[in-house]
Amino acid sequence: MELRHLHTFQVVAEEGGFTRAGEHLGYAQSTITAHIQALERELGRPLFDRLGKKVVLTEAGKRLLPYVRDMMQLSRRALEVAGAGDAPTGTLVIGAPESLTAYRLPVILREYRRRYPQVKLVMQPGHCWKMRAKLRKGELDVAFLLEEPRDEEDLVIRSLVDEELVMIAPPHHPLASNEEVLPEALQGETLLKTEAGCTYRELLDYRLKKAGIPSDDQMEFWNVEAIKNCVMAGLGISYLPIMTVVEELKEGKLIALNWKHREDRVVTQLAYHRDKWLTPALERLLDVVEEQAEEWKKAEAKV
């Protein structure tokens, strides 16, 4: 039973099809088919039901998948241990939402790469809830989260820095003169929101719902940069972590409204599975993150 065949099986199961698995692995579809057929012959039973272009795990496939995930993780560990010397090696798969990837992680990734160039870093974007699910499946080594703190029995979660949220608007917006902007003042305003499932969007939606304000006039984006540019163009107002708009506020391209609920916060956090073996590469990443978190806290204290 070849590891590459098992890896192909795992990717097909998780991607939901041979074509997407081929794209993910960089294989031709015929190679994917050959791997699966070889594995099915060896096991003496089908692992997938072919339903048109879609493939679904058979009962045998469902039973096999968790064991394959464990085997893939163990094989990675074995390679890392065998190659471990003074300098960490191997691969780290890191999950993070788009806002953290763009505004918090570059300094961490740069410093880590400077110290440990032999480690391959693979970034996977996604919602925080998806990050937690992937940690539980062993698909990520570590994840960065941007949300309110919560306890998870099977995850180790470290709070790194509190993130202030800010209601932004274009310069000379009518609400700029308000000493305090209540949720009721947003009625009739076009709200430029991040995608559903984003924690700070959920905080805003909660405040509006509690005040009885409908959110009919809104636009939804998957990218913070797009939101900022649209706010600057006068399309509406938005609610974002202040770390994403520091430069635009300094330059006067955006303004921060005097939002009533400035006590609302999210927290940048680091998470990994409680049962995960901390490879040398991961331990060194945790060290770099802790160092940078101290710098963030110092900068926050000066504000």
Protein backbone atom coordinates (compact mmCIF):
# COMPACT_ATOMS: atom_id res chain seq x y z
CA MET A 1 0.00 0.00 0.00
CA GLU A 2 1.73 3.15 -1.24
CA LEU A 3 1.57 6.41 0.72
CA ARG A 4 1.06 8.42 -2.46
CA HIS A 5 -2.05 6.37 -3.26
CA LEU A 6 -3.39 6.99 0.25
CA HIS A 7 -2.62 10.69 -0.07
CA THR A 8 -4.48 10.83 -3.37
CA PHE A 9 -7.44 9.07 -1.75
CA GLN A 10 -7.51 11.64 1.05
CA VAL A 11 -7.42 14.59 -1.35
CA VAL A 12 -10.17 13.15 -3.59
CA ALA A 13 -12.36 12.61 -0.51
CA GLU A 14 -11.77 16.14 0.77
CA GLU A 15 -12.02 17.90 -2.59
CA GLY A 16 -15.10 15.94 -3.64
CA GLY A 17 -13.90 14.89 -7.10
CA PHE A 18 -11.08 13.61 -9.25
CA THR A 19 -10.70 16.81 -11.27
CA ARG A 20 -10.34 19.07 -8.24
CA ALA A 21 -7.99 16.58 -6.60
CA GLY A 22 -5.83 16.61 -9.74
CA GLU A 23 -5.69 20.40 -9.67
CA HIS A 24 -4.77 20.34 -5.98
CA LEU A 25 -2.02 17.74 -6.39
CA GLY A 26 -0.79 18.79 -9.83
CA TYR A 27 -1.63 15.37 -11.31
CA ALA A 28 -3.44 14.49 -14.52
CA GLN A 29 -6.90 13.04 -13.92
CA SER A 30 -5.72 9.73 -15.36
CA THR A 31 -3.06 9.55 -12.63
CA ILE A 32 -5.65 10.22 -9.94
CA THR A 33 -7.84 7.45 -11.38
CA ALA A 34 -4.90 5.02 -11.52
CA HIS A 35 -4.00 5.72 -7.86
CA ILE A 36 -7.56 5.12 -6.66
CA GLN A 37 -8.00 2.00 -8.76
CA ALA A 38 -4.73 0.55 -7.45
CA LEU A 39 -5.83 1.18 -3.88
CA GLU A 40 -9.28 -0.32 -4.49
CA ARG A 41 -7.72 -3.43 -6.04
CA GLU A 42 -5.42 -3.84 -3.06
CA LEU A 43 -8.28 -3.47 -0.58
CA GLY A 44 -10.68 -5.56 -2.64
CA ARG A 45 -13.57 -3.10 -2.48
CA PRO A 46 -14.63 0.26 -3.95
CA LEU A 47 -13.84 3.39 -1.98
CA PHE A 48 -16.00 5.80 -3.99
CA ASP A 49 -19.39 5.74 -5.67
CA ARG A 50 -19.19 7.58 -9.01
CA LEU A 51 -22.33 9.72 -9.38
CA GLY A 52 -21.78 11.50 -12.67
CA LYS A 53 -18.95 14.00 -12.14
CA LYS A 54 -19.33 13.75 -8.39
CA VAL A 55 -17.75 11.07 -6.20
CA VAL A 56 -19.04 10.01 -2.78
CA LEU A 57 -17.27 7.84 -0.25
CA THR A 58 -18.59 4.33 0.17
CA GLU A 59 -18.92 2.91 3.67
CA ALA A 60 -15.48 1.34 3.26
CA GLY A 61 -14.09 4.72 2.17
CA LYS A 62 -15.65 6.45 5.16
CA ARG A 63 -14.06 3.94 7.53
CA LEU A 64 -10.68 4.27 5.85
CA LEU A 65 -10.45 8.09 5.71
CA PRO A 66 -9.65 8.86 9.39
CA TYR A 67 -6.90 6.24 9.40
CA VAL A 68 -5.40 7.70 6.24
CA ARG A 69 -5.38 11.17 7.81
CA ASP A 70 -3.51 9.76 10.80
CA MET A 71 -1.04 7.95 8.54
CA MET A 72 -0.32 11.09 6.53
CA GLN A 73 0.31 13.08 9.69
CA LEU A 74 2.58 10.34 11.07
CA SER A 75 4.54 10.17 7.82
CA ARG A 76 5.15 13.92 8.00
CA ARG A 77 6.28 13.59 11.59
CA ALA A 78 8.65 10.78 10.69
CA LEU A 79 10.25 12.84 7.93
CA GLU A 80 10.60 15.84 10.22
CA VAL A 81 12.14 13.79 13.04
CA ALA A 82 14.51 11.99 10.69
CA GLY A 83 15.68 15.26 9.21
CA ALA A 84 15.74 17.23 12.46
CA GLY A 85 19.13 18.70 13.29
CA ASP A 86 20.08 22.08 14.61
CA ALA A 87 17.81 23.80 12.10
CA PRO A 88 14.10 22.87 11.76
CA THR A 89 12.97 21.41 8.45
CA GLY A 90 9.73 20.11 6.98
CA THR A 91 6.45 21.83 6.18
CA LEU A 92 4.08 23.94 8.26
CA VAL A 93 0.49 24.34 7.08
CA ILE A 94 -0.90 27.57 8.54
CA GLY A 95 -4.51 28.71 8.45
CA ALA A 96 -5.67 32.30 8.88
CA PRO A 97 -8.48 34.63 7.82
CA GLU A 98 -7.71 37.11 5.06
CA SER A 99 -7.42 40.14 7.34
CA LEU A 100 -4.76 38.55 9.56
CA THR A 101 -2.87 37.14 6.58
CA ALA A 102 -2.66 40.63 5.11
CA TYR A 103 -2.09 42.79 8.19
CA ARG A 104 -0.63 40.72 11.05
CA LEU A 105 1.20 37.73 9.62
CA PRO A 106 3.66 39.26 7.10
CA VAL A 107 6.08 40.37 9.83
CA ILE A 108 5.87 36.92 11.48
CA LEU A 109 6.36 35.03 8.23
CA ARG A 110 9.26 37.26 7.19
CA GLU A 111 11.10 36.76 10.49
CA TYR A 112 10.42 33.03 10.52
CA ARG A 113 11.71 32.63 6.96
CA ARG A 114 14.81 34.64 7.85
CA ARG A 115 15.63 32.33 10.77
CA TYR A 116 14.46 29.00 9.34
CA PRO A 117 14.69 29.03 5.53
CA GLN A 118 14.58 25.21 5.34
CA VAL A 119 10.95 25.10 6.48
CA LYS A 120 8.29 25.27 3.78
CA LEU A 121 5.30 27.42 4.75
CA VAL A 122 1.89 26.72 3.22
CA MET A 123 -0.88 29.26 3.87
CA GLN A 124 -4.56 28.31 3.81
CA PRO A 125 -7.17 31.10 4.04
CA GLY A 126 -10.64 30.73 5.49
CA HIS A 127 -13.16 31.61 8.17
CA CYS A 128 -12.24 31.02 11.79
CA TRP A 129 -14.79 28.21 12.15
CA LYS A 130 -13.23 26.48 9.16
CA MET A 131 -9.80 26.86 10.74
CA ARG A 132 -10.97 25.11 13.90
CA ALA A 133 -12.52 22.27 11.85
CA LYS A 134 -9.28 21.80 9.91
CA LEU A 135 -7.24 21.70 13.10
CA ARG A 136 -9.47 18.90 14.35
CA LYS A 137 -9.01 16.96 11.11
CA GLY A 138 -5.25 17.37 11.21
CA GLU A 139 -5.28 19.43 8.01
CA LEU A 140 -3.53 22.39 9.66
CA ASP A 141 -0.53 22.52 11.95
CA VAL A 142 -1.55 25.84 13.43
CA ALA A 143 -4.20 28.50 12.85
CA PHE A 144 -4.53 32.19 13.56
CA LEU A 145 -8.02 33.27 14.62
CA LEU A 146 -9.65 36.70 14.77
CA GLU A 147 -12.69 36.45 17.00
CA GLU A 148 -13.96 36.72 20.56
CA PRO A 149 -12.13 34.37 22.94
CA ARG A 150 -13.74 31.00 23.57
CA ASP A 151 -12.76 27.78 25.30
CA GLU A 152 -12.26 24.65 23.21
CA GLU A 153 -11.50 21.44 25.10
CA ASP A 154 -9.52 19.86 22.26
CA LEU A 155 -7.66 22.99 21.12
CA VAL A 156 -4.89 25.04 22.71
CA ILE A 157 -5.76 28.70 22.06
CA ARG A 158 -3.41 31.55 22.96
CA SER A 159 -4.62 35.15 22.94
CA LEU A 160 -2.04 37.41 21.30
CA VAL A 161 -3.48 40.94 21.13
CA ASP A 162 -6.85 42.69 21.44
CA GLU A 163 -8.02 44.27 18.19
CA GLU A 164 -9.99 47.50 18.30
CA LEU A 165 -12.88 47.77 15.84
CA VAL A 166 -13.72 51.02 14.08
CA MET A 167 -16.63 52.36 12.06
CA ILE A 168 -15.06 53.96 8.99
CA ALA A 169 -16.51 56.46 6.54
CA PRO A 170 -15.26 58.71 3.75
CA PRO A 171 -14.09 62.20 4.76
CA HIS A 172 -16.88 64.76 5.22
CA HIS A 173 -19.49 62.08 5.86
CA PRO A 174 -22.61 63.57 7.53
CA LEU A 175 -22.17 61.34 10.60
CA ALA A 176 -18.63 62.66 11.19
CA SER A 177 -19.98 65.56 13.24
CA ASN A 178 -21.97 63.32 15.63
CA GLU A 179 -20.52 63.21 19.13
CA GLU A 180 -21.79 59.64 19.31
CA VAL A 181 -23.02 57.41 16.50
CA LEU A 182 -25.81 55.15 17.72
CA PRO A 183 -26.95 52.06 15.80
CA GLU A 184 -30.15 53.95 14.96
CA ALA A 185 -28.08 56.51 13.05
CA LEU A 186 -27.10 53.84 10.55
CA GLN A 187 -30.64 53.42 9.29
CA GLY A 188 -30.61 54.37 5.63
CA GLU A 189 -26.83 54.09 5.34
CA THR A 190 -25.25 51.66 2.89
CA LEU A 191 -23.18 49.19 4.90
CA LEU A 192 -20.19 47.56 3.23
CA LYS A 193 -19.76 44.26 5.05
CA THR A 194 -17.36 41.37 5.09
CA GLU A 195 -18.70 37.93 4.24
CA ALA A 196 -21.14 36.06 6.48
CA GLY A 197 -19.36 34.19 9.25
CA CYS A 198 -16.84 36.99 9.89
CA THR A 199 -16.77 37.76 13.63
CA TYR A 200 -16.73 41.55 13.43
CA ARG A 201 -19.56 41.52 10.92
CA GLU A 202 -21.53 39.39 13.38
CA LEU A 203 -20.85 41.93 16.14
CA LEU A 204 -22.22 44.74 13.97
CA ASP A 205 -25.24 42.68 12.91
CA TYR A 206 -25.94 41.94 16.59
CA ARG A 207 -25.89 45.65 17.49
CA LEU A 208 -28.18 46.55 14.58
CA LYS A 209 -30.61 43.72 15.30
CA LYS A 210 -30.77 44.65 18.99
CA ALA A 211 -31.64 48.22 17.99
CA GLY A 212 -34.27 47.00 15.51
CA ILE A 213 -32.38 48.36 12.49
CA PRO A 214 -32.84 46.39 9.26
CA SER A 215 -29.74 45.60 7.20
CA ASP A 216 -31.46 45.79 3.82
CA ASP A 217 -29.09 48.29 2.21
CA GLN A 218 -25.77 46.48 2.25
CA MET A 219 -23.00 45.22 0.02
CA GLU A 220 -20.97 42.11 0.80
CA PHE A 221 -17.26 41.70 0.06
CA TRP A 222 -14.67 38.97 0.51
CA ASN A 223 -11.72 41.35 0.66
CA VAL A 224 -10.88 44.11 3.14
CA GLU A 225 -8.94 46.11 0.56
CA ALA A 226 -12.02 46.19 -1.69
CA ILE A 227 -14.14 47.43 1.22
CA LYS A 228 -11.68 50.21 2.03
CA ASN A 229 -11.49 51.38 -1.58
CA CYS A 230 -15.28 51.41 -1.88
CA VAL A 231 -15.65 53.40 1.35
CA MET A 232 -13.09 55.92 0.08
CA ALA A 233 -15.10 56.13 -3.16
CA GLY A 234 -18.18 57.12 -1.15
CA LEU A 235 -20.19 53.92 -1.61
CA GLY A 236 -20.96 53.55 2.09
CA ILE A 237 -19.51 52.95 5.55
CA SER A 238 -17.96 49.85 7.11
CA TYR A 239 -16.87 48.23 10.38
CA LEU A 240 -13.35 46.84 10.42
CA PRO A 241 -10.43 46.11 12.76
CA ILE A 242 -8.42 49.27 13.14
CA MET A 243 -5.22 47.41 12.18
CA THR A 244 -6.57 47.21 8.61
CA VAL A 245 -7.10 50.99 8.22
CA VAL A 246 -4.28 52.61 10.24
CA GLU A 247 -2.56 54.15 7.23
CA GLU A 248 -5.76 55.42 5.61
CA LEU A 249 -6.82 57.09 8.87
CA LYS A 250 -3.41 58.74 9.28
CA GLU A 251 -3.50 60.03 5.71
CA GLY A 252 -7.06 61.34 6.04
CA LYS A 253 -8.40 59.08 3.30
CA LEU A 254 -10.87 57.63 5.82
CA ILE A 255 -12.34 58.85 9.08
CA ALA A 256 -13.38 56.95 12.20
CA LEU A 257 -16.90 57.67 13.36
CA ASN A 258 -17.64 57.99 17.08
CA TRP A 259 -19.35 54.60 17.23
CA LYS A 260 -21.21 54.06 20.52
CA HIS A 261 -20.07 50.48 21.03
CA ARG A 262 -16.31 50.99 20.94
CA GLU A 263 -15.99 48.46 23.74
CA ASP A 264 -16.61 45.66 21.24
CA ARG A 265 -13.38 43.83 20.51
CA VAL A 266 -12.05 40.80 18.75
CA VAL A 267 -8.78 39.09 19.64
CA THR A 268 -5.99 37.81 17.44
CA GLN A 269 -5.31 34.28 18.66
CA LEU A 270 -3.14 31.31 17.82
CA ALA A 271 -4.53 27.77 17.99
CA TYR A 272 -3.35 24.20 17.55
CA HIS A 273 -4.74 20.80 18.48
CA ARG A 274 -4.13 19.77 22.08
CA ASP A 275 -2.98 16.29 20.98
CA LYS A 276 -0.68 17.55 18.24
CA TRP A 277 2.99 16.75 18.48
CA LEU A 278 4.90 20.04 18.37
CA THR A 279 7.58 19.58 15.75
CA PRO A 280 10.76 21.65 16.01
CA ALA A 281 9.47 23.77 13.13
CA LEU A 282 6.19 24.47 14.93
CA GLU A 283 7.88 25.17 18.26
CA ARG A 284 10.08 27.78 16.60
CA LEU A 285 7.02 29.37 14.97
CA LEU A 286 5.33 29.64 18.38
CA ASP A 287 8.45 31.40 19.68
CA VAL A 288 8.41 33.94 16.84
CA VAL A 289 4.70 34.57 17.32
CA GLU A 290 5.12 35.20 21.07
CA GLU A 291 7.94 37.64 20.37
CA GLN A 292 5.84 39.56 17.87
CA ALA A 293 2.79 39.55 20.15
CA GLU A 294 4.85 41.38 22.77
CA GLU A 295 5.70 44.03 20.17
CA TRP A 296 2.03 44.42 19.25
CA LYS A 297 1.09 44.87 22.91
CA LYS A 298 3.80 47.51 23.39
CA ALA A 299 2.57 49.40 20.32
CA GLU A 300 -1.02 49.18 21.57
CA ALA A 301 -0.02 50.56 24.99
CA LYS A 302 1.49 53.66 23.34
CA VAL A 303 -1.76 54.54 21.53
